[in-house]
């Protein structure tokens, strides 16, 4: 479970917005120090034993050693909405504040960035805009308006952005109370779990490739299994593995699933493709994500030429081992509706290292078996002539 700013910290922070009374900054929760950058509120930080001074506009200024020192800050500034909004908006978590009726009264910049909604567009509305399914909203709203409970509630639901793109989320609902202990609203902290879940799935895929590779008999079977695992992470309908033979400067394609090019490269043959995108990745040793404008630029530079059908977006990653680059794994799409992101590209890079080692081991095993078979055959022929 993710770590959140504590109930006490957020409650006191939000109450500062409402109270507008002077306070001794030494009474702030330690977690607020981190939000402000290791603020030094010791006696040496000011001329009045850390109590706020007047008539300076410098505020908190950076000093050496990465700390922030309390200069002279006017008390009215620290009382103001500006101070609260500065801290509230500096938080990396997406924060939304609802009143006791479940209506939105504030959200910070991180929430605006994550969800795509500005405060002015949603202030006064319920949290229904966070969900496409009414039952999900009812579940969320029931926790939000739970009344007398002072306990933080954590939930996991799919939340939708302004552009209707859903994402898996974890949220924490923290009741806010006044000085009399009455609940006045709720702070909602939302964490996007997309990257976390993706990384977990990548780890599972890598483990599965490693585990199953031992039981498979051929490179072709291994590549099929790799394709299956990668297909659980992203759209891999057009996928192939190209293995390089440095002695003949040729490629074999032991595995290719493609809407257009599958008949162009039979897996039992070797091909020279000197200015293909595949060869470009192998020569440079660098992963590439190439759209049509990028391909056109490389073509003008004389780096590549069209081999096979033109794809809308092409991702190729070199398969690196101790012996160097042994090949390239490629995923491409001919459909502009299929979107590959930097996250997809990065997960291919991560998985490629394991693919390279697994393919190299399997090729070595196949070579060894072929050698043993040839030796047995020669031995049997020799015995037959004795």
Protein backbone atom coordinates (compact mmCIF):
# COMPACT_ATOMS: atom_id res chain seq x y z
CA UNK A 1 0.00 0.00 0.00
CA UNK A 2 1.24 3.51 -0.80
CA UNK A 3 2.34 5.96 1.86
CA UNK A 4 0.21 9.02 2.39
CA UNK A 5 0.70 12.27 4.24
CA UNK A 6 -0.65 11.57 7.71
CA UNK A 7 -4.22 12.28 8.76
CA UNK A 8 -3.02 14.70 11.45
CA UNK A 9 -0.77 16.59 9.06
CA UNK A 10 -3.35 17.10 6.35
CA UNK A 11 -6.08 17.95 8.82
CA UNK A 12 -3.96 20.64 10.46
CA UNK A 13 -2.77 21.93 7.12
CA UNK A 14 -6.29 22.38 5.79
CA UNK A 15 -7.49 23.95 9.02
CA UNK A 16 -4.79 26.61 8.62
CA UNK A 17 -6.58 27.66 5.47
CA UNK A 18 -9.78 28.19 7.44
CA UNK A 19 -8.48 29.70 10.66
CA UNK A 20 -6.21 32.50 9.36
CA UNK A 21 -4.67 32.91 12.79
CA UNK A 22 -1.05 33.48 13.65
CA UNK A 23 0.88 30.40 14.72
CA UNK A 24 4.36 29.40 15.79
CA UNK A 25 5.86 27.44 12.87
CA UNK A 26 7.67 25.18 15.32
CA UNK A 27 4.28 23.61 16.01
CA UNK A 28 3.85 22.45 12.44
CA UNK A 29 3.94 18.67 11.92
CA UNK A 30 7.34 17.36 10.79
CA UNK A 31 5.83 16.17 7.50
CA UNK A 32 5.16 19.78 6.55
CA UNK A 33 8.85 20.50 7.00
CA UNK A 34 9.56 18.05 4.19
CA UNK A 35 6.98 19.69 1.98
CA UNK A 36 8.71 23.04 2.54
CA UNK A 37 12.20 21.59 2.22
CA UNK A 38 13.82 20.87 5.61
CA UNK A 39 12.81 24.23 7.06
CA UNK A 40 15.06 25.40 9.89
CA UNK A 41 12.86 26.83 12.62
CA UNK A 42 15.55 26.76 15.28
CA UNK A 43 16.50 29.77 17.34
CA UNK A 44 19.51 30.43 15.13
CA UNK A 45 17.26 30.80 12.10
CA UNK A 46 15.83 34.15 13.19
CA UNK A 47 16.25 37.00 15.61
CA UNK A 48 13.15 36.19 17.62
CA UNK A 49 13.67 32.54 18.56
CA UNK A 50 11.96 31.25 15.44
CA UNK A 51 8.84 33.40 15.79
CA UNK A 52 7.83 35.00 12.52
CA UNK A 53 9.12 38.48 11.77
CA UNK A 54 7.50 41.26 9.82
CA UNK A 55 8.00 43.37 6.67
CA UNK A 56 10.22 41.12 4.52
CA UNK A 57 9.32 39.73 1.13
CA UNK A 58 12.15 37.16 0.99
CA UNK A 59 10.25 34.34 2.64
CA UNK A 60 11.90 30.94 2.53
CA UNK A 61 15.15 30.97 0.57
CA UNK A 62 17.51 28.18 -0.44
CA UNK A 63 20.92 27.96 1.17
CA UNK A 64 23.86 25.61 0.77
CA UNK A 65 23.55 21.96 1.83
CA UNK A 66 20.11 21.83 0.21
CA UNK A 67 18.22 23.24 3.20
CA UNK A 68 15.81 26.11 3.50
CA UNK A 69 16.34 28.75 6.14
CA UNK A 70 13.64 30.89 7.74
CA UNK A 71 14.37 34.52 6.88
CA UNK A 72 12.00 37.27 7.85
CA UNK A 73 8.51 36.33 6.71
CA UNK A 74 5.54 38.53 7.38
CA UNK A 75 2.90 36.87 9.55
CA UNK A 76 0.06 37.96 7.24
CA UNK A 77 1.70 36.11 4.34
CA UNK A 78 1.84 32.85 6.27
CA UNK A 79 -1.75 33.33 7.37
CA UNK A 80 -2.96 33.84 3.84
CA UNK A 81 -4.62 31.66 1.25
CA UNK A 82 -1.47 32.09 -0.83
CA UNK A 83 0.61 30.17 1.70
CA UNK A 84 -1.91 27.35 1.87
CA UNK A 85 -2.30 27.16 -1.89
CA UNK A 86 1.48 27.11 -2.30
CA UNK A 87 1.89 24.09 -0.02
CA UNK A 88 -1.28 22.40 -1.28
CA UNK A 89 -0.23 22.73 -4.91
CA UNK A 90 3.38 21.70 -4.22
CA UNK A 91 2.30 18.22 -3.17
CA UNK A 92 3.00 15.54 -5.73
CA UNK A 93 -0.13 13.56 -4.83
CA UNK A 94 -3.43 14.36 -6.50
CA UNK A 95 -5.54 15.95 -3.74
CA UNK A 96 -9.24 16.78 -3.79
CA UNK A 97 -11.20 18.34 -0.91
CA UNK A 98 -14.92 17.62 -0.54
CA UNK A 99 -17.28 19.25 1.96
CA UNK A 100 -19.46 17.23 4.30
CA UNK A 101 -22.13 16.95 1.59
CA UNK A 102 -19.69 15.33 -0.79
CA UNK A 103 -19.30 18.38 -3.04
CA UNK A 104 -15.90 19.40 -4.38
CA UNK A 105 -14.42 22.56 -2.87
CA UNK A 106 -10.76 22.32 -3.95
CA UNK A 107 -8.24 20.31 -5.90
CA UNK A 108 -4.52 20.84 -6.39
CA UNK A 109 -2.40 21.08 -9.52
CA UNK A 110 -1.36 17.45 -9.36
CA UNK A 111 -5.04 16.49 -9.45
CA UNK A 112 -5.67 18.83 -12.37
CA UNK A 113 -2.76 17.25 -14.25
CA UNK A 114 -3.81 13.68 -13.48
CA UNK A 115 -7.54 14.07 -14.12
CA UNK A 116 -7.56 16.81 -16.76
CA UNK A 117 -10.17 18.92 -14.95
CA UNK A 118 -9.66 22.46 -13.65
CA UNK A 119 -11.15 23.41 -10.27
CA UNK A 120 -13.42 26.05 -11.84
CA UNK A 121 -15.01 23.37 -14.01
CA UNK A 122 -15.90 20.98 -11.21
CA UNK A 123 -16.20 23.01 -8.00
CA UNK A 124 -19.51 22.28 -6.28
CA UNK A 125 -20.00 18.97 -8.11
CA UNK A 126 -20.04 15.51 -6.57
CA UNK A 127 -17.34 12.96 -7.24
CA UNK A 128 -19.40 11.34 -9.98
CA UNK A 129 -17.09 12.82 -12.62
CA UNK A 130 -14.39 10.41 -11.41
CA UNK A 131 -16.34 7.34 -12.54
CA UNK A 132 -18.11 5.98 -15.59
CA UNK A 133 -20.02 3.32 -13.65
CA UNK A 134 -22.70 4.67 -11.33
CA UNK A 135 -22.21 1.79 -8.91
CA UNK A 136 -18.52 2.76 -8.54
CA UNK A 137 -19.54 6.32 -7.67
CA UNK A 138 -22.14 5.10 -5.17
CA UNK A 139 -19.48 2.99 -3.47
CA UNK A 140 -17.04 5.92 -3.39
CA UNK A 141 -19.63 8.45 -2.23
CA UNK A 142 -20.76 6.16 0.57
CA UNK A 143 -17.23 6.18 1.96
CA UNK A 144 -16.88 9.91 1.33
CA UNK A 145 -19.97 10.88 3.31
CA UNK A 146 -19.64 8.31 6.08
CA UNK A 147 -20.59 10.90 8.69
CA UNK A 148 -19.32 10.30 12.21
CA UNK A 149 -16.29 8.13 11.41
CA UNK A 150 -12.90 9.75 11.94
CA UNK A 151 -10.98 6.89 10.35
CA UNK A 152 -9.10 7.04 7.07
CA UNK A 153 -10.58 4.80 4.41
CA UNK A 154 -8.53 3.33 1.57
CA UNK A 155 -10.13 2.00 -1.60
CA UNK A 156 -9.20 0.64 -5.00
CA UNK A 157 -11.33 1.50 -8.02
CA UNK A 158 -10.98 2.44 -11.66
CA UNK A 159 -11.10 6.22 -12.07
CA UNK A 160 -11.68 8.00 -15.35
CA UNK A 161 -9.91 11.08 -16.70
CA UNK A 162 -11.49 13.95 -18.57
CA UNK A 163 -10.66 12.31 -21.90
CA UNK A 164 -12.60 9.22 -20.75
CA UNK A 165 -9.40 7.18 -20.33
CA UNK A 166 -9.74 5.00 -17.21
CA UNK A 167 -6.85 4.08 -14.94
CA UNK A 168 -6.47 1.82 -11.89
CA UNK A 169 -6.27 3.92 -8.74
CA UNK A 170 -5.85 3.72 -5.03
CA UNK A 171 -7.49 6.48 -3.03
CA UNK A 172 -7.42 7.46 0.63
CA UNK A 173 -10.28 9.41 2.20
CA UNK A 174 -9.20 11.38 5.27
CA UNK A 175 -11.93 13.08 7.36
CA UNK A 176 -11.26 16.75 8.20
CA UNK A 177 -12.53 18.12 11.48
CA UNK A 178 -12.74 21.49 13.18
CA UNK A 179 -11.49 22.46 16.65
CA UNK A 180 -14.60 20.94 18.23
CA UNK A 181 -13.95 17.61 16.55
CA UNK A 182 -16.84 17.91 14.10
CA UNK A 183 -16.19 16.54 10.61
CA UNK A 184 -16.29 19.39 8.11
CA UNK A 185 -15.19 17.58 4.98
CA UNK A 186 -12.93 14.96 3.46
CA UNK A 187 -9.53 15.00 1.84
CA UNK A 188 -9.23 12.56 -1.07
CA UNK A 189 -5.75 11.50 -2.17
CA UNK A 190 -5.58 9.64 -5.50
CA UNK A 191 -2.64 7.55 -6.69
CA UNK A 192 -2.43 6.33 -10.30
CA UNK A 193 -1.41 2.67 -10.09
CA UNK A 194 -0.89 2.22 -13.84
CA UNK A 195 2.91 2.23 -13.73
CA UNK A 196 3.06 0.09 -10.60
CA UNK A 197 0.76 -2.56 -12.07
CA UNK A 198 2.63 -2.49 -15.38
CA UNK A 199 5.97 -3.01 -13.65
CA UNK A 200 4.53 -5.92 -11.70
CA UNK A 201 3.27 -7.48 -14.93
CA UNK A 202 6.67 -6.96 -16.58
CA UNK A 203 8.36 -8.71 -13.66
CA UNK A 204 5.94 -11.64 -14.02
CA UNK A 205 6.57 -11.81 -17.78
CA UNK A 206 10.34 -11.82 -17.30
CA UNK A 207 10.07 -14.56 -14.67
CA UNK A 208 7.84 -16.64 -16.95
CA UNK A 209 10.25 -16.30 -19.87
CA UNK A 210 13.14 -17.43 -17.68
CA UNK A 211 11.25 -20.35 -16.17
CA UNK A 212 9.68 -21.74 -19.33
CA UNK A 213 12.77 -21.23 -21.51
CA UNK A 214 14.41 -24.20 -19.79
CA UNK A 215 11.66 -26.60 -20.86
CA UNK A 216 11.36 -25.59 -24.54
CA UNK A 217 13.24 -27.42 -27.28
CA UNK A 218 13.77 -24.75 -29.92
CA UNK A 219 14.30 -21.05 -30.53
CA UNK A 220 11.02 -20.97 -32.44
CA UNK A 221 9.09 -22.30 -29.42
CA UNK A 222 10.89 -19.87 -27.14
CA UNK A 223 10.04 -16.91 -29.37
CA UNK A 224 6.39 -17.98 -29.47
CA UNK A 225 6.35 -18.06 -25.68
CA UNK A 226 8.03 -14.63 -25.52
CA UNK A 227 5.38 -13.28 -27.90
CA UNK A 228 2.65 -14.63 -25.66
CA UNK A 229 4.14 -12.95 -22.59
CA UNK A 230 4.69 -9.59 -24.28
CA UNK A 231 1.16 -9.74 -25.67
CA UNK A 232 -0.09 -9.58 -22.08
CA UNK A 233 1.60 -6.18 -21.69
CA UNK A 234 0.77 -4.39 -24.95
CA UNK A 235 -0.69 -4.86 -28.43
CA UNK A 236 1.78 -7.28 -30.05
CA UNK A 237 -0.21 -8.48 -33.05
CA UNK A 238 2.74 -7.61 -35.32
CA UNK A 239 5.79 -9.14 -33.70
CA UNK A 240 9.00 -10.72 -34.90
CA UNK A 241 12.45 -11.76 -33.76
CA UNK A 242 15.37 -11.36 -36.17
CA UNK A 243 18.66 -13.15 -35.39
CA UNK A 244 21.90 -11.94 -36.93
CA UNK A 245 24.68 -14.08 -38.42
CA UNK A 246 27.87 -11.95 -38.35
CA UNK A 247 29.82 -14.42 -40.51
CA UNK A 248 27.47 -14.06 -43.46
CA UNK A 249 25.93 -10.68 -42.54
CA UNK A 250 22.48 -12.20 -42.81
CA UNK A 251 19.31 -12.49 -40.72
CA UNK A 252 16.99 -15.32 -39.96
CA UNK A 253 13.45 -14.77 -38.73
CA UNK A 254 12.67 -17.76 -36.50
CA UNK A 255 9.39 -16.21 -35.41
CA UNK A 256 7.20 -13.68 -37.19
CA UNK A 257 3.54 -12.83 -36.69
CA UNK A 258 2.57 -9.98 -38.99
CA UNK A 259 -0.47 -8.80 -40.89
CA UNK A 260 1.53 -8.13 -44.07
CA UNK A 261 5.11 -9.43 -44.01
CA UNK A 262 4.81 -12.96 -42.66
CA UNK A 263 5.20 -14.51 -46.14
CA UNK A 264 8.14 -12.29 -47.04
CA UNK A 265 10.61 -13.91 -44.65
CA UNK A 266 10.30 -17.70 -44.36
CA UNK A 267 11.90 -18.76 -41.09
CA UNK A 268 14.07 -21.42 -42.73
CA UNK A 269 15.92 -18.95 -44.99
CA UNK A 270 18.57 -16.29 -44.47
CA UNK A 271 18.19 -12.73 -45.72
CA UNK A 272 20.36 -9.71 -46.29
CA UNK A 273 18.52 -6.55 -45.25
CA UNK A 274 21.38 -4.02 -45.05
CA UNK A 275 19.34 -0.82 -44.78
CA UNK A 276 16.26 -2.02 -42.99
CA UNK A 277 15.11 -0.61 -39.65
CA UNK A 278 16.04 -3.95 -38.11
CA UNK A 279 19.62 -3.64 -39.34
CA UNK A 280 19.72 0.00 -38.23
CA UNK A 281 18.91 -1.03 -34.65
CA UNK A 282 21.47 -3.84 -34.78
CA UNK A 283 24.19 -1.55 -36.17
CA UNK A 284 23.60 1.26 -33.70
CA UNK A 285 22.93 -1.07 -30.77
CA UNK A 286 20.24 1.35 -29.58
CA UNK A 287 16.49 0.83 -29.08
CA UNK A 288 14.38 2.82 -31.52
CA UNK A 289 10.74 3.93 -31.59
CA UNK A 290 10.14 5.22 -35.11
CA UNK A 291 7.03 6.80 -36.57
CA UNK A 292 6.60 7.72 -40.25
CA UNK A 293 8.21 11.21 -40.00
CA UNK A 294 11.20 9.68 -38.16
CA UNK A 295 11.52 6.99 -40.82
CA UNK A 296 11.40 9.60 -43.59
CA UNK A 297 14.19 11.56 -41.90
CA UNK A 298 16.38 8.43 -41.60
CA UNK A 299 15.67 7.62 -45.25
CA UNK A 300 16.80 11.12 -46.32
CA UNK A 301 20.00 10.57 -44.36
CA UNK A 302 20.59 7.32 -46.21
CA UNK A 303 20.33 5.21 -43.06
CA UNK A 304 17.31 3.13 -44.04
CA UNK A 305 15.13 2.13 -46.96
CA UNK A 306 11.70 0.54 -47.02
CA UNK A 307 11.81 -3.23 -46.56
CA UNK A 308 8.38 -4.82 -46.39
CA UNK A 309 5.19 -2.90 -45.63
CA UNK A 310 5.29 0.61 -44.16
CA UNK A 311 4.18 0.56 -40.53
CA UNK A 312 2.55 3.46 -38.72
CA UNK A 313 4.79 3.03 -35.66
CA UNK A 314 7.76 0.69 -35.27
CA UNK A 315 9.60 -0.30 -32.08
CA UNK A 316 12.82 -2.29 -32.25
CA UNK A 317 15.15 -3.28 -29.41
CA UNK A 318 18.56 -4.95 -29.82
CA UNK A 319 19.08 -8.33 -28.18
CA UNK A 320 22.35 -7.87 -26.33
CA UNK A 321 24.50 -10.60 -24.81
CA UNK A 322 28.14 -10.94 -23.82
CA UNK A 323 28.91 -11.74 -27.44
CA UNK A 324 27.35 -8.47 -28.61
CA UNK A 325 24.08 -7.82 -30.42
CA UNK A 326 22.71 -11.16 -31.62
CA UNK A 327 19.48 -9.84 -33.10
CA UNK A 328 16.50 -7.52 -32.77
CA UNK A 329 12.98 -7.92 -31.36
CA UNK A 330 10.34 -5.81 -33.10
CA UNK A 331 6.75 -4.77 -32.48
CA UNK A 332 4.95 -2.59 -35.00
CA UNK A 333 1.49 -1.39 -35.88
CA UNK A 334 -0.15 -0.53 -39.17
CA UNK A 335 -3.16 0.95 -37.37
CA UNK A 336 -3.04 4.62 -36.25
CA UNK A 337 -5.59 3.76 -33.58
CA UNK A 338 -3.01 1.56 -31.80
CA UNK A 339 -0.92 3.82 -29.58
CA UNK A 340 2.46 2.86 -28.19
CA UNK A 341 3.77 5.05 -25.37
CA UNK A 342 7.18 5.63 -23.80
CA UNK A 343 6.08 3.21 -21.06
CA UNK A 344 5.53 0.48 -23.66
CA UNK A 345 8.90 1.24 -25.23
CA UNK A 346 10.67 1.10 -21.87
CA UNK A 347 9.10 -2.22 -20.93
CA UNK A 348 10.31 -3.68 -24.23
CA UNK A 349 13.81 -2.51 -23.38
CA UNK A 350 13.57 -4.14 -19.98
CA UNK A 351 12.26 -7.44 -21.32
CA UNK A 352 14.76 -7.52 -24.21
CA UNK A 353 17.75 -8.27 -21.98
CA UNK A 354 16.09 -11.45 -20.74
CA UNK A 355 15.01 -12.34 -24.28
CA UNK A 356 18.57 -11.99 -25.54
CA UNK A 357 20.04 -14.29 -22.90
CA UNK A 358 17.23 -16.83 -23.28
CA UNK A 359 17.60 -16.95 -27.08
CA UNK A 360 21.38 -17.28 -26.85
CA UNK A 361 21.10 -20.19 -24.43
CA UNK A 362 18.53 -21.94 -26.58
CA UNK A 363 20.61 -21.51 -29.73
CA UNK A 364 23.64 -22.93 -27.92
CA UNK A 365 21.56 -25.90 -26.79
CA UNK A 366 20.31 -26.48 -30.33
CA UNK A 367 23.84 -26.24 -31.74
CA UNK A 368 25.10 -28.70 -29.13
CA UNK A 369 22.30 -31.17 -29.85
CA UNK A 370 22.90 -30.89 -33.60
CA UNK A 371 26.62 -31.52 -33.05
CA UNK A 372 25.93 -34.53 -30.85
CA UNK A 373 23.50 -35.91 -33.41
CA UNK A 374 26.03 -35.46 -36.21
CA UNK A 375 28.75 -37.17 -34.18
CA UNK A 376 26.46 -40.10 -33.35
CA UNK A 377 25.54 -40.43 -37.00
CA UNK A 378 29.19 -40.46 -38.08
CA UNK A 379 29.98 -43.00 -35.36
CA UNK A 380 27.18 -45.28 -36.50
CA UNK A 381 28.32 -45.01 -40.13
CA UNK A 382 31.87 -45.85 -39.06
CA UNK A 383 30.70 -48.90 -37.13
CA UNK A 384 28.67 -50.08 -40.10
CA UNK A 385 31.81 -50.17 -42.26
CA UNK A 386 33.93 -52.03 -39.75
